[in-house]
Amino acid sequence: MNQSSIFLTQTYLDLTSLIPSLAVNILQQIDNNQQFKLPKTLEKIDGEGKTWQTYLSSERVIIPNWIAKEDFREDLAGLYKHYPAPTLLFLGDLGNISLPAQEGLLKLIEETPPNLHPILFSPDIFTILPTIKSRCQIYNLSLETCFSFLDSNLLETCKKKYPDVGEFTRNFLNNKVGDLTVLAKAERNEISFWLWQVLQNLESIYSQKPSKNLAQKISKVLQAQKLNSENLQKKFALGVLEG
């Protein structure tokens, strides 16, 4: 695989269960001298599994704890060292990394030590700085994989607090959006997750029976996702659905 990679998760996933499955899959392919190929569906593995624990104990998987830091550029210096075997460096979700910190990642991505493979995640391509995107191989996780690793807490929150996705989709196709006030008060990641579910419903219908109306609805949801990810006022993103 390329030295640096970004995996587009399409939505907010449970990275604590995704990372072990992804790491074992990648390292086994590398150790078997195979060209990296992302499978259609990643199998969920036990986080306590022997293979995963072996990679962790041999320091072939590095997961820095930078969640609480706005700017971790100084900590990056410790990553410039000798790596005797291919090693995966999971740097987290770009959606949770500040722009100054993303800029700090550039040097590591441009001058990565041999055998070190930095890996980032992003819920969508719009949150990635162009300078980072141009230096990474980008992989799309399949829909099957995304559904296997959904953040169960986020899924439950959306079911309880926000409009039913299936019902909204049906009404949306008939130009009956309804009251989205409750979504305007939601966290941005929850709106992104809800929109993603609506998009999957629309694309599934489109794959079976394409139409101009469906294509226009899909375009609106994609535009709403983009506006939401750009940190504009949430009413602008939701306004696209209402227009």
Protein backbone atom coordinates (compact mmCIF):
# COMPACT_ATOMS: atom_id res chain seq x y z
CA MET A 1 0.00 0.00 0.00
CA ASN A 2 1.07 3.61 -0.38
CA GLN A 3 3.05 5.21 2.43
CA SER A 4 0.16 7.41 3.62
CA SER A 5 -3.53 6.58 3.35
CA ILE A 6 -6.94 8.04 4.12
CA PHE A 7 -9.95 5.78 4.52
CA LEU A 8 -13.25 7.48 3.75
CA THR A 9 -15.63 6.03 6.29
CA GLN A 10 -18.70 7.70 4.73
CA THR A 11 -20.11 8.22 8.19
CA TYR A 12 -19.13 8.17 11.84
CA LEU A 13 -18.04 4.65 12.71
CA ASP A 14 -16.82 2.92 15.85
CA LEU A 15 -13.08 3.26 15.20
CA THR A 16 -12.21 1.21 18.31
CA SER A 17 -13.57 -1.88 16.56
CA LEU A 18 -12.70 -0.84 12.99
CA ILE A 19 -8.98 -0.23 13.62
CA PRO A 20 -8.09 -3.78 14.82
CA SER A 21 -9.91 -5.34 11.85
CA LEU A 22 -8.30 -2.96 9.36
CA ALA A 23 -4.82 -3.28 10.90
CA VAL A 24 -4.81 -7.09 10.90
CA ASN A 25 -6.05 -7.17 7.31
CA ILE A 26 -3.40 -4.70 6.08
CA LEU A 27 -0.44 -6.20 7.96
CA GLN A 28 -1.28 -9.77 6.96
CA GLN A 29 -1.29 -8.73 3.31
CA ILE A 30 2.01 -6.86 3.72
CA ASP A 31 3.64 -9.78 5.57
CA ASN A 32 2.53 -12.16 2.83
CA ASN A 33 4.11 -9.86 0.21
CA GLN A 34 0.72 -9.19 -1.32
CA GLN A 35 -0.32 -5.94 -2.94
CA PHE A 36 -2.76 -4.26 -0.57
CA LYS A 37 -6.37 -4.68 -1.62
CA LEU A 38 -9.22 -3.47 0.53
CA PRO A 39 -11.80 -6.28 0.82
CA LYS A 40 -15.44 -5.57 0.02
CA THR A 41 -16.35 -6.32 3.63
CA LEU A 42 -13.99 -6.25 6.58
CA GLU A 43 -14.61 -9.01 9.09
CA LYS A 44 -15.08 -7.83 12.65
CA ILE A 45 -12.37 -9.34 14.85
CA ASP A 46 -12.09 -9.71 18.59
CA GLY A 47 -10.09 -6.79 20.02
CA GLU A 48 -8.45 -9.29 22.35
CA GLY A 49 -7.55 -11.66 19.51
CA LYS A 50 -4.06 -13.19 19.43
CA THR A 51 -3.06 -11.77 16.05
CA TRP A 52 -4.11 -8.24 16.97
CA GLN A 53 -2.39 -8.41 20.36
CA THR A 54 0.78 -9.71 18.70
CA TYR A 55 0.89 -6.71 16.36
CA LEU A 56 0.27 -4.36 19.29
CA SER A 57 2.93 -5.89 21.55
CA SER A 58 5.51 -5.82 18.76
CA GLU A 59 4.69 -2.12 18.21
CA ARG A 60 3.68 -2.64 14.62
CA VAL A 61 0.50 -0.70 15.32
CA ILE A 62 0.72 2.78 16.85
CA ILE A 63 -2.40 4.61 18.09
CA PRO A 64 -1.37 7.95 19.66
CA ASN A 65 -3.73 9.47 22.21
CA TRP A 66 -4.10 13.01 20.89
CA ILE A 67 -7.85 13.42 21.34
CA ALA A 68 -7.59 16.09 24.06
CA LYS A 69 -4.98 18.16 22.22
CA GLU A 70 -5.78 21.05 19.89
CA ASP A 71 -2.27 21.02 18.46
CA PHE A 72 0.00 17.98 18.67
CA ARG A 73 2.69 19.05 16.21
CA GLU A 74 5.44 18.83 18.85
CA ASP A 75 4.53 15.20 19.55
CA LEU A 76 5.07 14.27 15.90
CA ALA A 77 8.84 14.59 16.33
CA GLY A 78 8.91 11.35 18.32
CA LEU A 79 7.65 9.43 15.31
CA TYR A 80 10.80 10.09 13.28
CA LYS A 81 12.75 6.94 14.14
CA HIS A 82 13.80 3.58 12.71
CA TYR A 83 11.03 1.05 12.10
CA PRO A 84 12.42 -2.49 11.53
CA ALA A 85 9.14 -3.80 10.09
CA PRO A 86 6.11 -2.25 8.34
CA THR A 87 4.22 -0.30 11.01
CA LEU A 88 0.76 1.29 10.89
CA LEU A 89 0.26 4.70 12.51
CA PHE A 90 -3.43 5.43 13.10
CA LEU A 91 -3.77 9.20 13.41
CA GLY A 92 -7.53 9.32 13.94
CA ASP A 93 -10.47 11.07 12.31
CA LEU A 94 -9.62 14.23 10.37
CA GLY A 95 -12.97 15.62 11.42
CA ASN A 96 -11.64 15.81 15.00
CA ILE A 97 -8.25 17.31 14.10
CA SER A 98 -7.89 21.09 14.04
CA LEU A 99 -6.60 22.81 10.89
CA PRO A 100 -3.30 23.85 12.59
CA ALA A 101 -2.77 20.22 13.61
CA GLN A 102 -3.62 19.01 10.10
CA GLU A 103 -0.99 21.38 8.76
CA GLY A 104 1.45 19.85 11.25
CA LEU A 105 0.79 16.43 9.76
CA LEU A 106 1.99 17.58 6.35
CA LYS A 107 5.68 17.21 7.14
CA LEU A 108 5.17 13.67 8.44
CA ILE A 109 3.17 12.74 5.35
CA GLU A 110 5.72 14.35 3.03
CA GLU A 111 8.77 12.86 4.79
CA THR A 112 7.48 9.62 6.28
CA PRO A 113 10.17 7.36 7.77
CA PRO A 114 10.69 4.06 5.89
CA ASN A 115 8.29 1.30 6.95
CA LEU A 116 5.88 3.73 8.64
CA HIS A 117 2.37 3.94 7.15
CA PRO A 118 0.28 6.86 8.50
CA ILE A 119 -3.46 6.20 8.29
CA LEU A 120 -6.22 8.77 8.67
CA PHE A 121 -10.00 8.55 8.58
CA SER A 122 -12.49 11.08 7.27
CA PRO A 123 -16.30 11.00 7.15
CA ASP A 124 -16.20 12.84 3.83
CA ILE A 125 -13.71 14.19 1.35
CA PHE A 126 -14.62 17.83 2.01
CA THR A 127 -12.94 17.91 5.45
CA ILE A 128 -9.51 17.01 4.05
CA LEU A 129 -7.00 19.76 3.32
CA PRO A 130 -6.07 19.62 -0.39
CA THR A 131 -2.38 19.46 0.53
CA ILE A 132 -2.99 16.33 2.62
CA LYS A 133 -5.37 14.75 0.10
CA SER A 134 -2.87 15.10 -2.74
CA ARG A 135 -0.22 13.18 -0.78
CA CYS A 136 -2.36 10.22 0.27
CA GLN A 137 -3.94 7.22 -1.32
CA ILE A 138 -7.68 7.45 -0.66
CA TYR A 139 -9.77 4.34 -0.07
CA ASN A 140 -13.55 4.11 0.14
CA LEU A 141 -14.82 1.68 2.73
CA SER A 142 -17.72 -0.27 1.29
CA LEU A 143 -21.28 0.28 2.47
CA GLU A 144 -21.28 -3.27 3.87
CA THR A 145 -18.23 -2.48 5.99
CA CYS A 146 -19.70 0.81 7.19
CA PHE A 147 -22.88 -0.91 8.36
CA SER A 148 -20.78 -3.53 10.19
CA PHE A 149 -18.94 -0.88 12.20
CA LEU A 150 -21.64 1.72 12.85
CA ASP A 151 -21.31 3.72 16.04
CA SER A 152 -24.12 2.09 18.05
CA ASN A 153 -24.44 5.05 20.45
CA LEU A 154 -24.82 7.53 17.60
CA LEU A 155 -27.29 5.26 15.84
CA GLU A 156 -29.43 4.99 18.98
CA THR A 157 -29.29 8.77 19.56
CA CYS A 158 -30.50 9.48 16.04
CA LYS A 159 -33.33 6.95 16.33
CA LYS A 160 -34.57 8.51 19.55
CA LYS A 161 -34.16 12.23 18.85
CA TYR A 162 -34.52 12.87 15.12
CA PRO A 163 -37.05 12.22 12.32
CA ASP A 164 -37.37 8.60 11.26
CA VAL A 165 -35.06 8.17 8.28
CA GLY A 166 -37.37 5.91 6.28
CA GLU A 167 -40.42 8.10 6.79
CA PHE A 168 -38.46 11.27 6.00
CA THR A 169 -37.12 9.72 2.79
CA ARG A 170 -40.60 8.84 1.58
CA ASN A 171 -41.93 12.32 2.38
CA PHE A 172 -38.85 13.98 0.87
CA LEU A 173 -39.50 12.24 -2.44
CA ASN A 174 -43.00 13.74 -2.38
CA ASN A 175 -41.68 17.23 -1.54
CA LYS A 176 -42.99 17.02 2.04
CA VAL A 177 -40.00 17.79 4.23
CA GLY A 178 -41.82 18.54 7.46
CA ASP A 179 -40.41 20.33 10.50
CA LEU A 180 -36.60 20.05 10.77
CA THR A 181 -36.29 22.37 13.78
CA VAL A 182 -35.12 19.52 16.00
CA LEU A 183 -32.22 18.83 13.61
CA ALA A 184 -31.16 22.48 13.68
CA LYS A 185 -30.40 21.99 17.37
CA ALA A 186 -28.47 18.75 16.79
CA GLU A 187 -24.72 18.23 16.97
CA ARG A 188 -23.04 18.55 13.58
CA ASN A 189 -21.84 14.93 13.60
CA GLU A 190 -25.40 13.76 14.35
CA ILE A 191 -26.73 15.75 11.37
CA SER A 192 -24.01 14.25 9.18
CA PHE A 193 -24.92 10.74 10.33
CA TRP A 194 -28.65 11.32 9.78
CA LEU A 195 -28.05 12.76 6.30
CA TRP A 196 -25.85 9.80 5.42
CA GLN A 197 -28.67 7.39 6.28
CA VAL A 198 -31.11 9.37 4.13
CA LEU A 199 -28.60 9.29 1.27
CA GLN A 200 -28.23 5.49 1.50
CA ASN A 201 -32.01 5.10 1.28
CA LEU A 202 -32.21 7.36 -1.78
CA GLU A 203 -29.28 5.69 -3.55
CA SER A 204 -30.77 2.25 -2.88
CA ILE A 205 -34.07 3.32 -4.48
CA TYR A 206 -32.20 4.96 -7.39
CA SER A 207 -30.22 1.78 -8.10
CA GLN A 208 -33.51 -0.08 -8.61
CA LYS A 209 -35.45 2.62 -10.43
CA PRO A 210 -33.46 5.66 -11.61
CA SER A 211 -35.32 8.92 -12.20
CA LYS A 212 -34.60 12.61 -12.62
CA ASN A 213 -36.49 13.40 -9.41
CA LEU A 214 -34.38 10.93 -7.41
CA ALA A 215 -31.17 12.29 -8.87
CA GLN A 216 -32.19 15.81 -7.83
CA LYS A 217 -33.02 14.65 -4.30
CA ILE A 218 -29.66 12.87 -3.98
CA SER A 219 -27.92 16.04 -5.18
CA LYS A 220 -29.70 18.06 -2.48
CA VAL A 221 -28.64 15.70 0.28
CA LEU A 222 -25.03 15.75 -0.95
CA GLN A 223 -25.11 19.56 -0.96
CA ALA A 224 -26.53 19.57 2.58
CA GLN A 225 -23.74 17.24 3.70
CA LYS A 226 -21.12 19.53 2.19
CA LEU A 227 -22.54 22.65 3.82
CA ASN A 228 -22.80 20.89 7.16
CA SER A 229 -19.16 19.76 6.98
CA GLU A 230 -18.01 23.29 6.15
CA ASN A 231 -19.16 24.49 9.59
CA LEU A 232 -21.66 26.97 8.21
CA GLN A 233 -24.81 27.69 10.17
CA LYS A 234 -26.78 24.45 10.29
CA LYS A 235 -29.88 26.20 8.95
CA PHE A 236 -28.12 26.61 5.59
CA ALA A 237 -27.49 22.88 5.29
CA LEU A 238 -31.04 21.97 6.28
CA GLY A 239 -32.45 24.78 4.13
CA VAL A 240 -31.20 22.93 1.04
CA LEU A 241 -33.57 20.07 1.88
CA GLU A 242 -36.47 22.45 2.33
CA GLY A 243 -35.85 24.43 -0.87
